[in-house]
């Protein structure tokens, strides 16, 4: 969700958006709002709001990722402007967390997400910050162009 203050005046604008007002894309369950600029994650319910006041030429960009039934969310490759675009990341919920396909070729991709507790990611070095809930996993994508990993939520 991108909000910009492009009006030529100097007054601040309110760029608050209620998630329930997103029509067909409105979440029906909790989501994680990834603040792309600040690198932070906030858990929101379907009736919560996001955004706030923007000063002249200000902008905010939040990526919404669903909180899966196991209590974790996959934001994606946050080094990209579209962290979970289909050309880069595919996420499918599983009974234990998520199966994530990371696309690239011969590169390391840092997968970022949020969880209630430290998840594990098979075959990847994983870090977790309990204060923020943010986890990261370094996924090695071989030259074939993709790697599939299982993200397992803590029990």
N, C-alpha and C. Protein backbone atom coordinates (compact mmCIF):
# COMPACT_ATOMS: atom_id res chain seq x y z
N UNK A 1 0.84 -1.14 0.00
CA UNK A 1 0.00 0.00 0.00
C UNK A 1 0.91 1.23 0.00
N UNK A 2 0.80 2.02 -1.03
CA UNK A 2 1.64 3.20 -1.20
C UNK A 2 0.80 4.44 -1.00
N UNK A 3 1.28 5.37 -0.18
CA UNK A 3 0.62 6.65 0.03
C UNK A 3 1.65 7.75 -0.20
N UNK A 4 1.25 8.77 -0.97
CA UNK A 4 2.16 9.88 -1.28
C UNK A 4 1.45 11.21 -1.09
N UNK A 5 2.19 12.20 -0.62
CA UNK A 5 1.68 13.56 -0.51
C UNK A 5 2.21 14.30 -1.73
N UNK A 6 1.42 14.35 -2.77
CA UNK A 6 1.86 14.98 -4.01
C UNK A 6 1.20 16.34 -4.26
N UNK A 7 0.35 16.77 -3.32
CA UNK A 7 -0.29 18.07 -3.44
C UNK A 7 0.77 19.16 -3.27
N UNK A 8 0.73 20.22 -4.09
CA UNK A 8 1.79 21.24 -4.01
C UNK A 8 1.74 22.13 -2.78
N UNK A 9 0.69 22.05 -1.99
CA UNK A 9 0.59 22.88 -0.78
C UNK A 9 1.47 22.36 0.34
N UNK A 10 1.64 23.18 1.37
CA UNK A 10 2.51 22.83 2.49
C UNK A 10 1.80 22.11 3.63
N UNK A 11 0.46 22.06 3.60
CA UNK A 11 -0.25 21.44 4.70
C UNK A 11 -0.06 19.92 4.68
N UNK A 12 -0.04 19.36 5.89
CA UNK A 12 0.04 17.90 6.04
C UNK A 12 -1.28 17.28 5.56
N UNK A 13 -1.21 16.00 5.15
CA UNK A 13 -2.42 15.29 4.77
C UNK A 13 -2.53 14.01 5.59
N UNK A 14 -3.75 13.58 5.80
CA UNK A 14 -4.00 12.34 6.51
C UNK A 14 -4.09 11.22 5.48
N UNK A 15 -3.15 10.28 5.53
CA UNK A 15 -3.11 9.17 4.58
C UNK A 15 -3.49 7.86 5.27
N UNK A 16 -4.35 7.94 6.27
CA UNK A 16 -4.78 6.75 7.00
C UNK A 16 -5.79 5.97 6.16
N UNK A 17 -5.61 4.65 6.10
CA UNK A 17 -6.50 3.77 5.36
C UNK A 17 -6.99 2.67 6.30
N UNK A 18 -8.29 2.47 6.32
CA UNK A 18 -8.86 1.35 7.07
C UNK A 18 -8.75 0.11 6.19
N UNK A 19 -8.19 -0.96 6.72
CA UNK A 19 -8.03 -2.18 5.93
C UNK A 19 -9.38 -2.70 5.43
N UNK A 20 -10.42 -2.50 6.20
CA UNK A 20 -11.75 -2.98 5.80
C UNK A 20 -12.27 -2.23 4.58
N UNK A 21 -11.69 -1.07 4.27
CA UNK A 21 -12.13 -0.28 3.12
C UNK A 21 -11.41 -0.65 1.82
N UNK A 22 -10.62 -1.72 1.83
CA UNK A 22 -9.86 -2.10 0.64
C UNK A 22 -10.66 -2.95 -0.34
N UNK A 23 -11.97 -2.92 -0.23
CA UNK A 23 -12.88 -3.63 -1.13
C UNK A 23 -12.52 -5.10 -1.27
N UNK A 24 -12.33 -5.57 -2.51
CA UNK A 24 -12.07 -6.99 -2.77
C UNK A 24 -10.76 -7.48 -2.17
N UNK A 25 -9.82 -6.57 -1.90
CA UNK A 25 -8.53 -6.98 -1.35
C UNK A 25 -8.46 -6.83 0.17
N UNK A 26 -9.57 -6.46 0.80
CA UNK A 26 -9.58 -6.30 2.26
C UNK A 26 -9.29 -7.64 2.93
N UNK A 27 -8.36 -7.65 3.89
CA UNK A 27 -8.06 -8.91 4.58
C UNK A 27 -9.22 -9.34 5.47
N UNK A 28 -9.39 -10.64 5.58
CA UNK A 28 -10.43 -11.19 6.45
C UNK A 28 -9.84 -11.73 7.74
N UNK A 29 -8.50 -11.82 7.79
CA UNK A 29 -7.77 -12.28 8.98
C UNK A 29 -6.62 -11.31 9.23
N UNK A 30 -5.88 -11.56 10.30
CA UNK A 30 -4.74 -10.71 10.62
C UNK A 30 -3.71 -10.71 9.50
N UNK A 31 -3.04 -9.57 9.36
CA UNK A 31 -1.94 -9.41 8.41
C UNK A 31 -0.76 -8.77 9.12
N UNK A 32 0.38 -8.88 8.49
CA UNK A 32 1.56 -8.14 8.91
C UNK A 32 1.73 -7.00 7.93
N UNK A 33 1.86 -5.79 8.46
CA UNK A 33 2.14 -4.63 7.63
C UNK A 33 3.63 -4.36 7.72
N UNK A 34 4.35 -4.65 6.63
CA UNK A 34 5.79 -4.43 6.58
C UNK A 34 6.02 -3.01 6.10
N UNK A 35 6.63 -2.18 6.96
CA UNK A 35 6.99 -0.81 6.59
C UNK A 35 8.29 -0.89 5.81
N UNK A 36 8.19 -0.74 4.51
CA UNK A 36 9.32 -0.94 3.61
C UNK A 36 10.46 0.04 3.91
N UNK A 37 10.13 1.25 4.27
CA UNK A 37 11.17 2.25 4.56
C UNK A 37 11.85 2.01 5.90
N UNK A 38 11.07 1.67 6.93
CA UNK A 38 11.62 1.51 8.27
C UNK A 38 12.12 0.10 8.56
N UNK A 39 11.67 -0.89 7.75
CA UNK A 39 12.07 -2.27 8.01
C UNK A 39 11.44 -2.84 9.26
N UNK A 40 10.17 -2.45 9.52
CA UNK A 40 9.48 -2.92 10.70
C UNK A 40 8.21 -3.68 10.31
N UNK A 41 7.72 -4.50 11.23
CA UNK A 41 6.51 -5.28 11.00
C UNK A 41 5.51 -5.02 12.12
N UNK A 42 4.25 -4.82 11.72
CA UNK A 42 3.18 -4.58 12.69
C UNK A 42 2.03 -5.52 12.37
N UNK A 43 1.57 -6.24 13.39
CA UNK A 43 0.42 -7.13 13.19
C UNK A 43 -0.86 -6.32 13.29
N UNK A 44 -1.73 -6.47 12.29
CA UNK A 44 -2.98 -5.73 12.24
C UNK A 44 -4.15 -6.68 12.02
N UNK A 45 -5.29 -6.33 12.57
CA UNK A 45 -6.51 -7.08 12.34
C UNK A 45 -7.25 -6.51 11.14
N UNK A 46 -8.26 -7.20 10.64
CA UNK A 46 -8.97 -6.76 9.45
C UNK A 46 -9.68 -5.42 9.59
N UNK A 47 -9.94 -4.97 10.81
CA UNK A 47 -10.61 -3.68 11.01
C UNK A 47 -9.66 -2.58 11.44
N UNK A 48 -8.36 -2.85 11.46
CA UNK A 48 -7.39 -1.84 11.87
C UNK A 48 -7.10 -0.86 10.74
N UNK A 49 -6.33 0.16 11.08
CA UNK A 49 -5.93 1.19 10.13
C UNK A 49 -4.43 1.19 9.96
N UNK A 50 -3.99 1.73 8.83
CA UNK A 50 -2.57 1.86 8.54
C UNK A 50 -2.33 3.22 7.90
N UNK A 51 -1.13 3.71 8.03
CA UNK A 51 -0.79 5.00 7.44
C UNK A 51 -0.64 6.04 8.51
N UNK A 52 -1.03 7.25 8.19
CA UNK A 52 -0.91 8.35 9.13
C UNK A 52 -0.74 9.65 8.38
N UNK A 53 -0.22 10.62 9.07
CA UNK A 53 -0.06 11.96 8.50
C UNK A 53 1.23 12.03 7.69
N UNK A 54 1.13 12.63 6.50
CA UNK A 54 2.29 12.83 5.64
C UNK A 54 2.53 14.32 5.44
N UNK A 55 3.78 14.72 5.58
CA UNK A 55 4.12 16.11 5.29
C UNK A 55 4.38 16.25 3.79
N UNK A 56 4.58 17.47 3.34
CA UNK A 56 4.78 17.74 1.91
C UNK A 56 5.87 16.83 1.34
N UNK A 57 5.55 16.20 0.21
CA UNK A 57 6.42 15.28 -0.51
C UNK A 57 6.76 14.02 0.28
N UNK A 58 6.02 13.77 1.36
CA UNK A 58 6.23 12.56 2.15
C UNK A 58 5.55 11.37 1.50
N UNK A 59 6.01 10.19 1.87
CA UNK A 59 5.39 8.98 1.34
C UNK A 59 5.62 7.83 2.31
N UNK A 60 4.74 6.84 2.20
CA UNK A 60 4.89 5.62 2.99
C UNK A 60 4.55 4.44 2.09
N UNK A 61 5.17 3.32 2.38
CA UNK A 61 4.93 2.11 1.60
C UNK A 61 4.87 0.93 2.55
N UNK A 62 3.72 0.27 2.60
CA UNK A 62 3.52 -0.89 3.46
C UNK A 62 3.12 -2.09 2.61
N UNK A 63 3.76 -3.20 2.87
CA UNK A 63 3.44 -4.46 2.21
C UNK A 63 2.64 -5.29 3.21
N UNK A 64 1.48 -5.77 2.79
CA UNK A 64 0.64 -6.59 3.66
C UNK A 64 0.86 -8.06 3.36
N UNK A 65 1.15 -8.83 4.40
CA UNK A 65 1.36 -10.27 4.27
C UNK A 65 0.42 -10.97 5.24
N UNK A 66 -0.32 -11.98 4.79
CA UNK A 66 -1.26 -12.64 5.68
C UNK A 66 -0.55 -13.42 6.79
N UNK A 67 -1.12 -13.37 8.00
CA UNK A 67 -0.64 -14.22 9.08
C UNK A 67 -1.30 -15.58 8.85
N UNK A 68 -0.49 -16.59 8.62
CA UNK A 68 -0.98 -17.92 8.33
C UNK A 68 -1.54 -18.56 9.61
N UNK A 69 -2.35 -19.60 9.49
CA UNK A 69 -2.94 -20.24 10.67
C UNK A 69 -1.92 -20.69 11.71
N UNK A 70 -0.68 -20.91 11.31
CA UNK A 70 0.35 -21.36 12.24
C UNK A 70 1.03 -20.19 12.97
N UNK A 71 0.58 -18.94 12.72
CA UNK A 71 1.12 -17.79 13.44
C UNK A 71 2.36 -17.18 12.84
N UNK A 72 2.59 -17.41 11.56
CA UNK A 72 3.73 -16.76 10.91
C UNK A 72 3.30 -16.14 9.60
N UNK A 73 4.09 -15.19 9.13
CA UNK A 73 3.84 -14.53 7.86
C UNK A 73 5.15 -14.48 7.08
N UNK A 74 5.06 -14.59 5.77
CA UNK A 74 6.22 -14.46 4.90
C UNK A 74 6.07 -13.15 4.13
N UNK A 75 6.99 -12.22 4.37
CA UNK A 75 6.96 -10.93 3.67
C UNK A 75 7.63 -11.08 2.33
N UNK A 76 8.79 -11.74 2.28
CA UNK A 76 9.49 -11.98 1.03
C UNK A 76 10.90 -11.42 1.03
N UNK A 77 11.37 -11.04 -0.15
CA UNK A 77 12.70 -10.46 -0.33
C UNK A 77 12.57 -8.96 -0.19
N UNK A 78 12.77 -8.44 1.02
CA UNK A 78 12.50 -7.03 1.30
C UNK A 78 13.53 -6.08 0.68
N UNK A 79 14.54 -6.63 0.03
CA UNK A 79 15.47 -5.78 -0.72
C UNK A 79 14.84 -5.32 -2.03
N UNK A 80 13.75 -5.96 -2.42
CA UNK A 80 13.01 -5.62 -3.64
C UNK A 80 11.83 -4.72 -3.29
N UNK A 81 11.44 -3.88 -4.24
CA UNK A 81 10.30 -2.99 -4.01
C UNK A 81 9.01 -3.80 -3.91
N UNK A 82 8.94 -4.92 -4.61
CA UNK A 82 7.81 -5.84 -4.52
C UNK A 82 8.36 -7.13 -3.89
N UNK A 83 8.38 -7.21 -2.56
CA UNK A 83 9.05 -8.31 -1.86
C UNK A 83 8.54 -9.71 -2.17
N UNK A 84 7.25 -9.85 -2.47
CA UNK A 84 6.69 -11.18 -2.69
C UNK A 84 6.02 -11.29 -4.05
N UNK A 85 6.59 -10.62 -5.04
CA UNK A 85 6.05 -10.75 -6.40
C UNK A 85 6.20 -12.17 -6.90
N UNK A 86 5.24 -12.63 -7.69
CA UNK A 86 5.24 -14.01 -8.19
C UNK A 86 6.51 -14.38 -8.95
N UNK A 87 7.17 -13.40 -9.53
CA UNK A 87 8.40 -13.68 -10.26
C UNK A 87 9.58 -13.94 -9.32
N UNK A 88 9.40 -13.69 -8.02
CA UNK A 88 10.48 -13.85 -7.05
C UNK A 88 10.17 -14.86 -5.94
N UNK A 89 8.94 -14.81 -5.41
CA UNK A 89 8.57 -15.60 -4.24
C UNK A 89 7.19 -16.22 -4.44
N UNK A 90 7.05 -17.51 -4.09
CA UNK A 90 5.74 -18.17 -4.04
C UNK A 90 5.58 -18.74 -2.65
N UNK A 91 4.45 -18.45 -2.02
CA UNK A 91 4.19 -18.90 -0.65
C UNK A 91 2.92 -19.73 -0.64
N UNK A 92 3.00 -20.90 -0.03
CA UNK A 92 1.82 -21.75 0.15
C UNK A 92 1.77 -22.20 1.61
N UNK A 93 0.63 -21.98 2.25
CA UNK A 93 0.47 -22.40 3.64
C UNK A 93 0.51 -23.92 3.73
N UNK A 94 1.12 -24.42 4.81
CA UNK A 94 1.14 -25.85 5.11
C UNK A 94 0.61 -26.06 6.53
N UNK A 95 0.47 -27.31 6.93
CA UNK A 95 -0.01 -27.60 8.28
C UNK A 95 0.98 -27.14 9.35
N UNK A 96 2.26 -27.01 8.98
CA UNK A 96 3.28 -26.63 9.96
C UNK A 96 3.84 -25.23 9.76
N UNK A 97 3.46 -24.54 8.71
CA UNK A 97 3.98 -23.20 8.43
C UNK A 97 3.74 -22.80 6.99
N UNK A 98 4.81 -22.82 6.19
CA UNK A 98 4.69 -22.42 4.79
C UNK A 98 5.77 -23.08 3.95
N UNK A 99 5.41 -23.38 2.71
CA UNK A 99 6.39 -23.81 1.71
C UNK A 99 6.64 -22.59 0.84
N UNK A 100 7.92 -22.22 0.72
CA UNK A 100 8.28 -21.01 -0.02
C UNK A 100 9.23 -21.39 -1.15
N UNK A 101 8.88 -20.98 -2.35
CA UNK A 101 9.76 -21.15 -3.50
C UNK A 101 10.39 -19.78 -3.77
N UNK A 102 11.72 -19.76 -3.73
CA UNK A 102 12.47 -18.54 -3.98
C UNK A 102 13.11 -18.67 -5.35
N UNK A 103 12.86 -17.67 -6.21
CA UNK A 103 13.36 -17.71 -7.58
C UNK A 103 14.52 -16.75 -7.76
N UNK A 104 15.46 -17.16 -8.56
CA UNK A 104 16.66 -16.39 -8.86
C UNK A 104 17.58 -17.32 -9.63
N UNK A 105 18.85 -17.09 -9.57
CA UNK A 105 19.79 -18.00 -10.22
C UNK A 105 21.18 -17.75 -9.66
N UNK A 106 21.70 -18.74 -8.92
CA UNK A 106 23.05 -18.64 -8.39
C UNK A 106 23.24 -17.47 -7.45
N UNK A 107 22.31 -17.26 -6.55
CA UNK A 107 22.41 -16.11 -5.64
C UNK A 107 21.88 -16.46 -4.25
N UNK A 108 22.24 -15.64 -3.29
CA UNK A 108 21.69 -15.77 -1.94
C UNK A 108 20.56 -14.75 -1.81
N UNK A 109 19.41 -15.20 -1.34
CA UNK A 109 18.26 -14.33 -1.15
C UNK A 109 17.88 -14.38 0.33
N UNK A 110 17.74 -13.21 0.92
CA UNK A 110 17.31 -13.15 2.31
C UNK A 110 15.79 -13.08 2.34
N UNK A 111 15.20 -14.11 2.89
CA UNK A 111 13.76 -14.21 3.04
C UNK A 111 13.41 -13.63 4.39
N UNK A 112 12.42 -12.73 4.43
CA UNK A 112 12.04 -12.05 5.67
C UNK A 112 10.58 -12.32 5.98
N UNK A 113 10.27 -12.43 7.26
CA UNK A 113 8.90 -12.64 7.68
C UNK A 113 8.70 -12.24 9.13
N UNK A 114 7.55 -12.61 9.64
CA UNK A 114 7.18 -12.31 11.02
C UNK A 114 6.59 -13.58 11.63
N UNK A 115 6.81 -13.75 12.93
CA UNK A 115 6.24 -14.92 13.62
C UNK A 115 6.04 -14.63 15.09
N UNK A 116 5.12 -15.38 15.69
CA UNK A 116 4.90 -15.30 17.14
C UNK A 116 6.14 -15.77 17.90
N UNK A 117 6.80 -16.80 17.37
CA UNK A 117 7.99 -17.38 17.99
C UNK A 117 8.93 -17.81 16.86
N UNK A 118 10.18 -18.07 17.20
CA UNK A 118 11.22 -18.36 16.20
C UNK A 118 10.87 -19.56 15.33
N UNK A 119 10.71 -19.34 14.03
CA UNK A 119 10.49 -20.47 13.12
C UNK A 119 11.83 -21.08 12.71
N UNK A 120 11.76 -22.22 12.06
CA UNK A 120 12.96 -22.80 11.45
C UNK A 120 12.73 -22.86 9.95
N UNK A 121 13.82 -22.73 9.23
CA UNK A 121 13.76 -22.80 7.77
C UNK A 121 14.78 -23.83 7.34
N UNK A 122 14.31 -24.91 6.72
CA UNK A 122 15.21 -26.01 6.39
C UNK A 122 16.28 -25.56 5.40
N UNK A 123 17.50 -25.93 5.71
CA UNK A 123 18.62 -25.64 4.82
C UNK A 123 19.05 -24.19 4.78
N UNK A 124 18.58 -23.36 5.72
CA UNK A 124 18.93 -21.94 5.69
C UNK A 124 19.27 -21.45 7.09
N UNK A 125 20.30 -20.62 7.17
CA UNK A 125 20.63 -19.97 8.44
C UNK A 125 19.52 -18.98 8.75
N UNK A 126 18.95 -19.09 9.95
CA UNK A 126 17.78 -18.28 10.30
C UNK A 126 18.05 -17.47 11.56
N UNK A 127 17.62 -16.20 11.53
CA UNK A 127 17.70 -15.37 12.73
C UNK A 127 16.28 -14.94 13.11
N UNK A 128 16.09 -14.61 14.40
CA UNK A 128 14.79 -14.21 14.90
C UNK A 128 14.98 -13.18 15.99
N UNK A 129 14.22 -12.09 15.92
CA UNK A 129 14.25 -11.06 16.95
C UNK A 129 12.95 -11.17 17.75
N UNK A 130 13.00 -11.68 18.98
CA UNK A 130 11.76 -11.85 19.76
C UNK A 130 11.07 -10.53 20.10
N UNK A 131 11.80 -9.43 20.11
CA UNK A 131 11.19 -8.14 20.43
C UNK A 131 10.30 -7.63 19.30
N UNK A 132 10.65 -7.95 18.06
CA UNK A 132 9.89 -7.46 16.91
C UNK A 132 9.11 -8.56 16.19
N UNK A 133 9.49 -9.82 16.41
CA UNK A 133 8.87 -10.93 15.71
C UNK A 133 9.42 -11.15 14.31
N UNK A 134 10.40 -10.36 13.91
CA UNK A 134 10.94 -10.46 12.55
C UNK A 134 11.96 -11.59 12.47
N UNK A 135 11.80 -12.43 11.46
CA UNK A 135 12.77 -13.49 11.20
C UNK A 135 13.35 -13.30 9.80
N UNK A 136 14.55 -13.79 9.62
CA UNK A 136 15.23 -13.76 8.33
C UNK A 136 15.91 -15.10 8.10
N UNK A 137 15.92 -15.52 6.84
CA UNK A 137 16.59 -16.77 6.46
C UNK A 137 17.35 -16.53 5.17
N UNK A 138 18.61 -16.94 5.16
CA UNK A 138 19.45 -16.80 3.97
C UNK A 138 19.27 -18.04 3.10
N UNK A 139 18.57 -17.88 1.99
CA UNK A 139 18.27 -19.00 1.09
C UNK A 139 19.23 -18.96 -0.09
N UNK A 140 19.94 -20.05 -0.31
CA UNK A 140 20.84 -20.16 -1.45
C UNK A 140 20.06 -20.69 -2.65
N UNK A 141 19.98 -19.90 -3.70
CA UNK A 141 19.27 -20.31 -4.91
C UNK A 141 20.31 -20.80 -5.91
N UNK A 142 20.25 -22.08 -6.27
CA UNK A 142 21.24 -22.64 -7.20
C UNK A 142 21.05 -22.11 -8.62
N UNK A 143 21.95 -22.48 -9.48
CA UNK A 143 21.91 -21.99 -10.87
C UNK A 143 20.68 -22.47 -11.63
N UNK A 144 20.00 -23.50 -11.15
CA UNK A 144 18.79 -23.98 -11.84
C UNK A 144 17.68 -22.93 -11.82
N UNK A 145 17.77 -21.95 -10.88
CA UNK A 145 16.83 -20.83 -10.89
C UNK A 145 15.78 -20.81 -9.79
N UNK A 146 15.77 -21.78 -8.88
CA UNK A 146 14.80 -21.74 -7.79
C UNK A 146 15.25 -22.64 -6.64
N UNK A 147 14.74 -22.35 -5.47
CA UNK A 147 14.96 -23.18 -4.29
C UNK A 147 13.66 -23.21 -3.49
N UNK A 148 13.27 -24.37 -3.03
CA UNK A 148 12.08 -24.51 -2.19
C UNK A 148 12.51 -24.79 -0.76
N UNK A 149 11.93 -24.05 0.18
CA UNK A 149 12.24 -24.25 1.60
C UNK A 149 10.94 -24.36 2.39
N UNK A 150 11.01 -25.09 3.49
CA UNK A 150 9.90 -25.21 4.41
C UNK A 150 10.16 -24.30 5.60
N UNK A 151 9.24 -23.40 5.86
CA UNK A 151 9.30 -22.55 7.03
C UNK A 151 8.36 -23.19 8.05
N UNK A 152 8.93 -23.61 9.17
CA UNK A 152 8.14 -24.33 10.18
C UNK A 152 7.97 -23.44 11.39
N UNK A 153 6.72 -23.19 11.74
CA UNK A 153 6.40 -22.37 12.90
C UNK A 153 6.77 -23.10 14.19
N UNK A 154 7.17 -22.32 15.19
CA UNK A 154 7.49 -22.90 16.49
C UNK A 154 6.21 -23.46 17.11
N UNK A 155 6.35 -24.55 17.83
CA UNK A 155 5.17 -25.15 18.46
C UNK A 155 5.12 -24.84 19.93
